[in-house]
Amino acid sequence: MKSITFHINHSAYTINIGEDADNKLEEGLKKFLSTDKNLTTEELLLAYLQKTQEQVSFETKLQSIIDTSILSRENLRK
C-alpha cells in the first residue's frame, strides 16, 4: 500500500492511496497539490476548483465523443 502526506495549515495528513503501481493517482494528486510545502486552506480550495474544472472539461469532451459515436452509428443504419 502506498501513502502520501500533505501539510495543510501546519498539520500533516497522510492518506493511503492503495497500490497505485503506475503512479497515476499520486501524479494526479500532486498536479495541483504540493507535498513539499505547507498548504493554506486557500491553496487547497484552489486545487479543488482546478481539479473540478479539469473533470468538467474531461466530461464535456467524453460526452462529445459519445454523441459523435451515436450519430455515426445512426447514419450507418440509414
Protein backbone atom coordinates (compact mmCIF):
# COMPACT_ATOMS: atom_id res chain seq x y z
CA MET A 1 0.00 0.00 0.00
CA LYS A 2 1.20 3.46 -0.88
CA SER A 3 0.61 6.62 1.13
CA ILE A 4 1.14 10.31 0.51
CA THR A 5 1.45 13.15 3.04
CA PHE A 6 0.14 16.67 2.61
CA HIS A 7 0.86 19.51 5.04
CA ILE A 8 -2.19 21.73 5.37
CA ASN A 9 -2.33 24.65 7.82
CA HIS A 10 0.73 23.25 9.64
CA SER A 11 -0.83 19.81 10.16
CA ALA A 12 0.31 16.67 8.37
CA TYR A 13 -2.30 14.49 6.70
CA THR A 14 -1.19 11.10 5.41
CA ILE A 15 -3.62 9.29 3.16
CA ASN A 16 -3.46 5.76 1.87
CA ILE A 17 -3.78 5.74 -1.92
CA GLY A 18 -3.66 1.96 -2.38
CA GLU A 19 -1.38 0.13 -4.78
CA ASP A 20 -1.06 2.86 -7.47
CA ALA A 21 1.51 0.76 -9.38
CA ASP A 22 1.69 3.22 -12.29
CA ASN A 23 1.75 6.33 -10.02
CA LYS A 24 -1.24 7.83 -11.85
CA LEU A 25 -3.17 8.65 -8.67
CA GLU A 26 -0.12 10.15 -6.98
CA GLU A 27 0.68 12.24 -10.07
CA GLY A 28 -2.93 13.39 -10.25
CA LEU A 29 -2.89 14.48 -6.62
CA LYS A 30 0.45 16.26 -6.97
CA LYS A 31 -0.67 18.07 -10.12
CA PHE A 32 -2.44 20.72 -8.05
CA LEU A 33 -1.18 19.98 -4.50
CA SER A 34 2.44 20.23 -3.42
CA THR A 35 3.82 17.72 -0.94
CA ASP A 36 6.96 19.81 -0.46
CA LYS A 37 5.46 22.73 1.44
CA ASN A 38 2.71 23.74 3.82
CA LEU A 39 -0.55 24.42 2.01
CA THR A 40 -3.07 27.00 3.12
CA THR A 41 -6.82 26.49 3.06
CA GLU A 42 -6.96 28.88 0.11
CA GLU A 43 -4.45 26.76 -1.85
CA LEU A 44 -6.40 23.61 -1.03
CA LEU A 45 -9.64 25.20 -2.25
CA LEU A 46 -7.91 26.43 -5.41
CA ALA A 47 -6.60 22.91 -6.11
CA TYR A 48 -10.12 21.52 -5.65
CA LEU A 49 -11.53 24.09 -8.08
CA GLN A 50 -8.79 23.37 -10.64
CA LYS A 51 -9.40 19.62 -10.40
CA THR A 52 -13.15 20.17 -10.71
CA GLN A 53 -12.62 22.33 -13.81
CA GLU A 54 -10.39 19.63 -15.29
CA GLN A 55 -13.06 16.99 -14.56
CA VAL A 56 -15.84 19.07 -16.13
CA SER A 57 -13.71 19.59 -19.24
CA PHE A 58 -13.00 15.85 -19.43
CA GLU A 59 -16.70 15.01 -19.06
CA THR A 60 -17.63 17.51 -21.78
CA LYS A 61 -15.08 16.03 -24.20
CA LEU A 62 -16.19 12.50 -23.36
CA GLN A 63 -19.84 13.37 -23.93
CA SER A 64 -18.93 14.91 -27.29
CA ILE A 65 -17.14 11.70 -28.30
CA ILE A 66 -20.15 9.62 -27.20
CA ASP A 67 -22.57 11.86 -29.09
CA THR A 68 -20.43 11.72 -32.24
CA SER A 69 -20.23 7.93 -31.98
CA ILE A 70 -24.01 7.63 -31.57
CA LEU A 71 -24.63 9.90 -34.57
CA SER A 72 -22.16 7.89 -36.67
CA ARG A 73 -23.92 4.65 -35.82
CA GLU A 74 -27.31 6.14 -36.62
CA ASN A 75 -26.06 7.37 -40.00
CA LEU A 76 -24.67 3.92 -40.81
CA ARG A 77 -28.06 2.35 -40.17
CA LYS A 78 -29.77 4.63 -42.68
